[in-house]
C-alpha atoms as a PDB file:
ATOM      1  CA  MET A   1      23.939  39.860 113.833  1.00  0.00           C
ATOM      2  CA  SER A   2      25.439  36.393 113.509  1.00  0.00           C
ATOM      3  CA  ILE A   3      24.409  33.671 115.927  1.00  0.00           C
ATOM      4  CA  GLU A   4      26.973  31.030 116.828  1.00  0.00           C
ATOM      5  CA  GLY A   5      26.096  27.656 115.300  1.00  0.00           C
ATOM      6  CA  LEU A   6      23.435  29.136 112.987  1.00  0.00           C
ATOM      7  CA  LYS A   7      24.482  29.477 109.328  1.00  0.00           C
ATOM      8  CA  GLN A   8      21.609  31.712 108.267  1.00  0.00           C
ATOM      9  CA  ILE A   9      19.108  33.953 110.003  1.00  0.00           C
ATOM     10  CA  LYS A  10      15.720  34.122 108.267  1.00  0.00           C
ATOM     11  CA  LEU A  11      13.206  36.734 109.418  1.00  0.00           C
ATOM     12  CA  LEU A  12       9.614  37.376 108.325  1.00  0.00           C
ATOM     13  CA  LEU A  13       8.290  40.963 108.563  1.00  0.00           C
ATOM     14  CA  ILE A  14       4.544  41.344 109.204  1.00  0.00           C
ATOM     15  CA  GLY A  15       2.501  44.464 109.951  1.00  0.00           C
ATOM     16  CA  GLU A  16       0.036  47.026 108.663  1.00  0.00           C
ATOM     17  CA  ILE A  17       0.572  49.468 105.793  1.00  0.00           C
ATOM     18  CA  GLY A  18       2.862  52.318 106.800  1.00  0.00           C
ATOM     19  CA  ASP A  19       4.235  50.694 109.950  1.00  0.00           C
ATOM     20  CA  GLY A  20       7.762  50.473 108.549  1.00  0.00           C
ATOM     21  CA  LYS A  21       8.223  46.854 107.479  1.00  0.00           C
ATOM     22  CA  SER A  22      10.233  47.706 104.366  1.00  0.00           C
ATOM     23  CA  SER A  23      12.317  50.380 106.106  1.00  0.00           C
ATOM     24  CA  LEU A  24      13.140  47.991 108.939  1.00  0.00           C
ATOM     25  CA  GLY A  25      14.091  45.295 106.435  1.00  0.00           C
ATOM     26  CA  ASN A  26      16.499  47.681 104.687  1.00  0.00           C
ATOM     27  CA  PHE A  27      18.005  48.638 108.052  1.00  0.00           C
ATOM     28  CA  VAL A  28      18.539  45.022 109.109  1.00  0.00           C
ATOM     29  CA  LEU A  29      20.127  44.086 105.768  1.00  0.00           C
ATOM     30  CA  LYS A  30      22.170  47.311 105.543  1.00  0.00           C
ATOM     31  CA  ASN A  31      20.958  47.622 101.974  1.00  0.00           C
ATOM     32  CA  ASP A  32      18.007  49.437 100.351  1.00  0.00           C
ATOM     33  CA  VAL A  33      16.497  46.423  98.606  1.00  0.00           C
ATOM     34  CA  PHE A  34      12.862  46.918  99.634  1.00  0.00           C
ATOM     35  CA  LYS A  35      10.830  49.762  98.109  1.00  0.00           C
ATOM     36  CA  VAL A  36       9.762  52.444 100.595  1.00  0.00           C
ATOM     37  CA  SER A  37       7.084  55.113 100.098  1.00  0.00           C
ATOM     38  CA  ASP A  38       5.406  57.850 102.153  1.00  0.00           C
ATOM     39  CA  THR A  39       2.047  57.248 100.464  1.00  0.00           C
ATOM     40  CA  PRO A  40      -0.811  55.501 102.339  1.00  0.00           C
ATOM     41  CA  ASN A  41      -0.862  52.749  99.706  1.00  0.00           C
ATOM     42  CA  SER A  42       1.120  49.535 100.021  1.00  0.00           C
ATOM     43  CA  VAL A  43       4.254  49.424  97.845  1.00  0.00           C
ATOM     44  CA  THR A  44       4.985  45.756  98.557  1.00  0.00           C
ATOM     45  CA  LYS A  45       2.691  43.695  96.322  1.00  0.00           C
ATOM     46  CA  TYR A  46       3.855  40.171  97.231  1.00  0.00           C
ATOM     47  CA  ALA A  47       6.146  38.396  99.700  1.00  0.00           C
ATOM     48  CA  ILE A  48       9.782  38.815  98.648  1.00  0.00           C
ATOM     49  CA  GLY A  49      13.078  38.136 100.409  1.00  0.00           C
ATOM     50  CA  TYR A  50      16.708  39.249 100.139  1.00  0.00           C
ATOM     51  CA  PHE A  51      20.051  38.485 101.751  1.00  0.00           C
ATOM     52  CA  GLY A  52      22.103  41.266 103.282  1.00  0.00           C
ATOM     53  CA  GLU A  53      25.606  42.333 102.327  1.00  0.00           C
ATOM     54  CA  GLY A  54      28.948  42.325 104.148  1.00  0.00           C
ATOM     55  CA  ASP A  55      28.541  41.187 107.746  1.00  0.00           C
ATOM     56  CA  ARG A  56      24.812  40.691 107.043  1.00  0.00           C
ATOM     57  CA  ASN A  57      25.269  38.220 104.179  1.00  0.00           C
ATOM     58  CA  ASP A  58      23.966  35.449 106.452  1.00  0.00           C
ATOM     59  CA  VAL A  59      20.715  37.344 107.122  1.00  0.00           C
ATOM     60  CA  PHE A  60      17.646  36.721 104.941  1.00  0.00           C
ATOM     61  CA  VAL A  61      14.637  39.032 105.391  1.00  0.00           C
ATOM     62  CA  VAL A  62      11.187  38.500 103.857  1.00  0.00           C
ATOM     63  CA  ASP A  63       9.057  41.630 103.412  1.00  0.00           C
ATOM     64  CA  THR A  64       5.310  41.068 103.107  1.00  0.00           C
ATOM     65  CA  PRO A  65       2.305  42.888 101.618  1.00  0.00           C
ATOM     66  CA  CYS A  66      -0.645  44.003 103.694  1.00  0.00           C
ATOM     67  CA  LEU A  67      -2.717  41.055 104.894  1.00  0.00           C
ATOM     68  CA  ILE A  68      -5.959  43.010 105.115  1.00  0.00           C
ATOM     69  CA  ASP A  69      -7.551  45.185 102.432  1.00  0.00           C
ATOM     70  CA  GLY A  70     -10.683  47.314 102.587  1.00  0.00           C
ATOM     71  CA  SER A  71     -13.008  44.328 102.287  1.00  0.00           C
ATOM     72  CA  GLY A  72     -11.246  41.958 104.685  1.00  0.00           C
ATOM     73  CA  PHE A  73      -8.397  39.467 104.604  1.00  0.00           C
ATOM     74  CA  ASP A  74      -6.477  39.373 101.326  1.00  0.00           C
ATOM     75  CA  ASN A  75      -6.255  35.618 100.747  1.00  0.00           C
ATOM     76  CA  LYS A  76      -3.936  36.061  97.761  1.00  0.00           C
ATOM     77  CA  ASN A  77      -1.361  37.848  99.922  1.00  0.00           C
ATOM     78  CA  ILE A  78      -1.786  35.346 102.748  1.00  0.00           C
ATOM     79  CA  GLN A  79      -1.087  32.493 100.332  1.00  0.00           C
ATOM     80  CA  SER A  80       1.949  34.377  98.977  1.00  0.00           C
ATOM     81  CA  ILE A  81       3.424  34.656 102.477  1.00  0.00           C
ATOM     82  CA  PHE A  82       2.571  31.037 103.266  1.00  0.00           C
ATOM     83  CA  ASN A  83       4.309  29.803 100.096  1.00  0.00           C
ATOM     84  CA  CYS A  84       7.370  31.944 100.771  1.00  0.00           C
ATOM     85  CA  VAL A  85       7.783  30.535 104.273  1.00  0.00           C
ATOM     86  CA  LYS A  86       7.404  26.998 102.922  1.00  0.00           C
ATOM     87  CA  ALA A  87      10.183  27.658 100.411  1.00  0.00           C
ATOM     88  CA  THR A  88      12.659  29.487 102.657  1.00  0.00           C
ATOM     89  CA  GLY A  89      11.849  28.549 106.270  1.00  0.00           C
ATOM     90  CA  LEU A  90      12.406  31.086 109.054  1.00  0.00           C
ATOM     91  CA  GLN A  91      13.957  31.586 112.481  1.00  0.00           C
ATOM     92  CA  GLY A  92      11.958  34.563 113.665  1.00  0.00           C
ATOM     93  CA  ILE A  93       8.957  36.796 112.979  1.00  0.00           C
ATOM     94  CA  VAL A  94       9.184  40.582 113.247  1.00  0.00           C
ATOM     95  CA  LEU A  95       5.827  42.228 113.963  1.00  0.00           C
ATOM     96  CA  THR A  96       5.937  45.972 113.212  1.00  0.00           C
ATOM     97  CA  MET A  97       3.648  48.279 115.175  1.00  0.00           C
ATOM     98  CA  ASN A  98       2.782  51.972 115.202  1.00  0.00           C
ATOM     99  CA  PHE A  99       3.533  53.154 118.732  1.00  0.00           C
ATOM    100  CA  ASN A 100       1.701  56.439 118.118  1.00  0.00           C
ATOM    101  CA  LYS A 101      -1.526  54.461 118.457  1.00  0.00           C
ATOM    102  CA  PHE A 102      -2.707  53.839 122.002  1.00  0.00           C
ATOM    103  CA  ARG A 103      -4.602  50.663 121.163  1.00  0.00           C
ATOM    104  CA  LEU A 104      -4.111  47.692 118.904  1.00  0.00           C
ATOM    105  CA  SER A 105      -6.186  48.114 115.752  1.00  0.00           C
ATOM    106  CA  HIS A 106      -8.592  45.411 114.580  1.00  0.00           C
ATOM    107  CA  ASN A 107      -6.250  44.720 111.664  1.00  0.00           C
ATOM    108  CA  LEU A 108      -3.236  44.227 113.905  1.00  0.00           C
ATOM    109  CA  LYS A 109      -5.189  41.957 116.230  1.00  0.00           C
ATOM    110  CA  TYR A 110      -6.050  39.734 113.295  1.00  0.00           C
ATOM    111  CA  ILE A 111      -2.491  39.804 112.018  1.00  0.00           C
ATOM    112  CA  VAL A 112      -1.543  38.398 115.430  1.00  0.00           C
ATOM    113  CA  LYS A 113      -4.266  35.765 115.004  1.00  0.00           C
ATOM    114  CA  PHE A 114      -2.907  35.020 111.523  1.00  0.00           C
ATOM    115  CA  ILE A 115       0.505  34.243 113.039  1.00  0.00           C
ATOM    116  CA  SER A 116      -1.137  31.889 115.538  1.00  0.00           C
ATOM    117  CA  ASP A 117      -3.102  30.132 112.781  1.00  0.00           C
ATOM    118  CA  ILE A 118      -0.156  29.734 110.408  1.00  0.00           C
ATOM    119  CA  PHE A 119       2.402  28.720 113.041  1.00  0.00           C
ATOM    120  CA  PRO A 120       0.591  26.763 115.790  1.00  0.00           C
ATOM    121  CA  LEU A 121       3.928  25.749 117.285  1.00  0.00           C
ATOM    122  CA  LYS A 122       4.769  25.420 120.944  1.00  0.00           C
ATOM    123  CA  ASP A 123       5.923  28.751 122.405  1.00  0.00           C
ATOM    124  CA  ILE A 124       5.600  30.474 118.998  1.00  0.00           C
ATOM    125  CA  TRP A 125       5.388  33.903 120.654  1.00  0.00           C
ATOM    126  CA  LYS A 126       8.876  33.461 122.040  1.00  0.00           C
ATOM    127  CA  HIS A 127       9.992  33.688 118.400  1.00  0.00           C
ATOM    128  CA  VAL A 128       8.024  36.824 117.527  1.00  0.00           C
ATOM    129  CA  CYS A 129      10.099  39.898 118.224  1.00  0.00           C
ATOM    130  CA  ILE A 130      11.967  42.892 116.837  1.00  0.00           C
ATOM    131  CA  ALA A 131      15.268  41.943 118.424  1.00  0.00           C
ATOM    132  CA  ARG A 132      17.883  39.238 118.009  1.00  0.00           C
ATOM    133  CA  ARG A 133      16.823  35.766 119.071  1.00  0.00           C
ATOM    134  CA  LEU A 134      19.130  33.237 120.677  1.00  0.00           C
ATOM    135  CA  LYS A 135      17.346  30.068 119.642  1.00  0.00           C
ATOM    136  CA  PRO A 136      15.811  29.323 116.212  1.00  0.00           C
ATOM    137  CA  ILE A 137      12.555  27.527 115.583  1.00  0.00           C
ATOM    138  CA  ASP A 138      13.253  23.869 114.865  1.00  0.00           C
ATOM    139  CA  GLU A 139      13.606  23.557 111.066  1.00  0.00           C
ATOM    140  CA  LYS A 140      12.136  20.036 111.063  1.00  0.00           C
ATOM    141  CA  GLU A 141       9.075  21.287 112.928  1.00  0.00           C
ATOM    142  CA  ILE A 142       8.601  24.158 110.445  1.00  0.00           C
ATOM    143  CA  SER A 143       9.027  21.841 107.456  1.00  0.00           C
ATOM    144  CA  LYS A 144       6.532  19.363 108.866  1.00  0.00           C
ATOM    145  CA  LEU A 145       3.981  22.109 109.525  1.00  0.00           C
ATOM    146  CA  SER A 146       4.315  24.085 106.285  1.00  0.00           C
ATOM    147  CA  GLY A 147       4.420  20.974 104.105  1.00  0.00           C
ATOM    148  CA  GLU A 148       1.110  19.758 105.477  1.00  0.00           C
ATOM    149  CA  PHE A 149      -1.148  22.459 104.003  1.00  0.00           C
ATOM    150  CA  LYS A 150      -1.810  23.361 100.374  1.00  0.00           C
ATOM    151  CA  GLU A 151      -3.412  26.711 101.135  1.00  0.00           C
ATOM    152  CA  ILE A 152      -4.798  28.794 103.983  1.00  0.00           C
ATOM    153  CA  ILE A 153      -7.864  31.011 103.532  1.00  0.00           C
ATOM    154  CA  TYR A 154      -9.832  33.314 105.820  1.00  0.00           C
ATOM    155  CA  GLU A 155     -13.612  33.092 105.464  1.00  0.00           C
ATOM    156  CA  GLU A 156     -16.080  35.748 106.587  1.00  0.00           C
ATOM    157  CA  LYS A 157     -19.794  35.728 107.347  1.00  0.00           C
ATOM    158  CA  GLU A 158     -22.302  38.214 108.745  1.00  0.00           C
ATOM    159  CA  GLU A 159     -25.151  37.581 111.162  1.00  0.00           C
ATOM    160  CA  ARG A 160     -28.131  39.905 111.615  1.00  0.00           C
ATOM    161  CA  GLU A 161     -29.908  40.258 114.970  1.00  0.00           C
ATOM    162  CA  LYS A 162     -33.040  42.351 115.472  1.00  0.00           C
ATOM    163  CA  ILE A 163     -32.614  44.437 118.606  1.00  0.00           C
ATOM    164  CA  GLU A 164     -35.527  46.899 118.389  1.00  0.00           C
ATOM    165  CA  GLU A 165     -38.732  47.371 116.411  1.00  0.00           C
ATOM    166  CA  THR A 166     -41.019  50.391 116.383  1.00  0.00           C
ATOM    167  CA  LYS A 167     -44.069  51.280 114.331  1.00  0.00           C
ATOM    168  CA  TYR A 168     -41.940  52.648 111.509  1.00  0.00           C
ATOM    169  CA  ASN A 169     -38.432  51.226 111.910  1.00  0.00           C
ATOM    170  CA  ILE A 170     -36.485  48.057 112.694  1.00  0.00           C
ATOM    171  CA  THR A 171     -32.996  48.223 114.202  1.00  0.00           C
ATOM    172  CA  TYR A 172     -30.512  45.416 113.620  1.00  0.00           C
ATOM    173  CA  LYS A 173     -27.067  44.543 114.919  1.00  0.00           C
ATOM    174  CA  ILE A 174     -24.840  43.219 112.113  1.00  0.00           C
ATOM    175  CA  THR A 175     -21.894  41.156 113.363  1.00  0.00           C
ATOM    176  CA  LYS A 176     -19.053  39.992 111.119  1.00  0.00           C
ATOM    177  CA  TYR A 177     -17.212  36.757 111.985  1.00  0.00           C
ATOM    178  CA  ARG A 178     -14.007  35.294 110.561  1.00  0.00           C
ATOM    179  CA  ARG A 179     -12.437  31.857 110.671  1.00  0.00           C
ATOM    180  CA  CYS A 180      -9.332  30.223 109.236  1.00  0.00           C
ATOM    181  CA  LYS A 181      -9.698  27.444 106.665  1.00  0.00           C
ATOM    182  CA  LYS A 182      -6.649  25.200 106.103  1.00  0.00           C
ATOM    183  CA  VAL A 183      -6.616  22.836 103.135  1.00  0.00           C
ATOM    184  CA  LYS A 184      -4.262  19.849 103.218  1.00  0.00           C
ATOM    185  CA  TYR A 185      -2.705  18.317 100.124  1.00  0.00           C
ATOM    186  CA  ASN A 186      -4.855  15.217 100.623  1.00  0.00           C
ATOM    187  CA  GLY A 187      -7.991  17.366 100.373  1.00  0.00           C
ATOM    188  CA  GLU A 188      -8.799  17.408 104.092  1.00  0.00           C
ATOM    189  CA  VAL A 189     -10.106  20.767 105.310  1.00  0.00           C
ATOM    190  CA  ILE A 190      -9.501  22.048 108.842  1.00  0.00           C
ATOM    191  CA  TYR A 191     -11.584  24.959 110.116  1.00  0.00           C
ATOM    192  CA  GLY A 192     -10.469  27.245 112.900  1.00  0.00           C
ATOM    193  CA  GLU A 193     -12.755  28.787 115.488  1.00  0.00           C
ATOM    194  CA  SER A 194     -14.990  31.640 114.291  1.00  0.00           C
ATOM    195  CA  THR A 195     -14.225  34.897 116.067  1.00  0.00           C
ATOM    196  CA  GLU A 196     -16.026  38.240 116.011  1.00  0.00           C
ATOM    197  CA  PHE A 197     -14.227  40.812 113.860  1.00  0.00           C
ATOM    198  CA  ASN A 198     -16.522  43.836 114.103  1.00  0.00           C
ATOM    199  CA  SER A 199     -20.168  44.846 114.445  1.00  0.00           C
ATOM    200  CA  ARG A 200     -22.425  47.713 113.426  1.00  0.00           C
ATOM    201  CA  ILE A 201     -25.973  48.934 114.083  1.00  0.00           C
ATOM    202  CA  ILE A 202     -28.357  49.721 111.213  1.00  0.00           C
ATOM    203  CA  THR A 203     -31.936  50.974 111.163  1.00  0.00           C
ATOM    204  CA  GLU A 204     -34.302  50.184 108.301  1.00  0.00           C
ATOM    205  CA  ASN A 205     -37.515  51.995 107.498  1.00  0.00           C
ATOM    206  CA  LYS A 206     -40.412  49.544 107.316  1.00  0.00           C
ATOM    207  CA  SER A 207     -42.238  51.357 104.535  1.00  0.00           C
ATOM    208  CA  LYS A 208     -39.145  51.472 102.327  1.00  0.00           C
ATOM    209  CA  LYS A 209     -38.358  47.831 103.041  1.00  0.00           C
ATOM    210  CA  GLU A 210     -41.914  46.759 102.219  1.00  0.00           C
ATOM    211  CA  SER A 211     -41.972  48.698  98.990  1.00  0.00           C
ATOM    212  CA  SER A 212     -38.607  47.307  97.940  1.00  0.00           C
ATOM    213  CA  ASP A 213     -39.748  43.752  98.675  1.00  0.00           C
ATOM    214  CA  CYS A 214     -42.948  44.134  96.632  1.00  0.00           C
ATOM    215  CA  VAL A 215     -42.997  42.371  93.251  1.00  0.00           C
ATOM    216  CA  MET A 216     -45.250  43.804  90.537  1.00  0.00           C
ATOM    217  CA  MET A 217     -46.901  41.177  88.300  1.00  0.00           C
END
């Protein structure tokens, strides 16, 4: 696992709940330091890292909580990961995936976007893998990047578009958008591009809507 000329290897594990981040971390470190469970709930509550033992004592692995909960991005967990990377640095990112799924889930797609937002470095995807890397990310570049921002938050908004109206009903398309908000220590705010996360179709009954909007005096 050692790389010539590199004193320590620091890896960040990112993925969805149940995709094996903690188990992989234990395997890499040759030590059961991360909690593992068969339940559908996340066991890892915050970003935490450990060194391995024996011939893995130069390997540092950071396990992470789920980035996305039922209502959207978990900004508390995102900030926890961001702070951990600022404190420890890293040489590689391990993205865990469930290969029993034929398509990338919405959550995983936005985890990939999260990596791009947090680490907008040149050729960052050459450093995202599940195998040994031969060249680390420049520590000075990481320090410069991570030291620039105080916090990173994902904001969400919904837009409603009327697509059909009949005598009794109105049908709308509800689209949810997300964008990254980066706050620098000097107070400057940088917004990322808004991207569509998901959409749904709803139909409202006119009579019910009118009655609910009526105010009795």
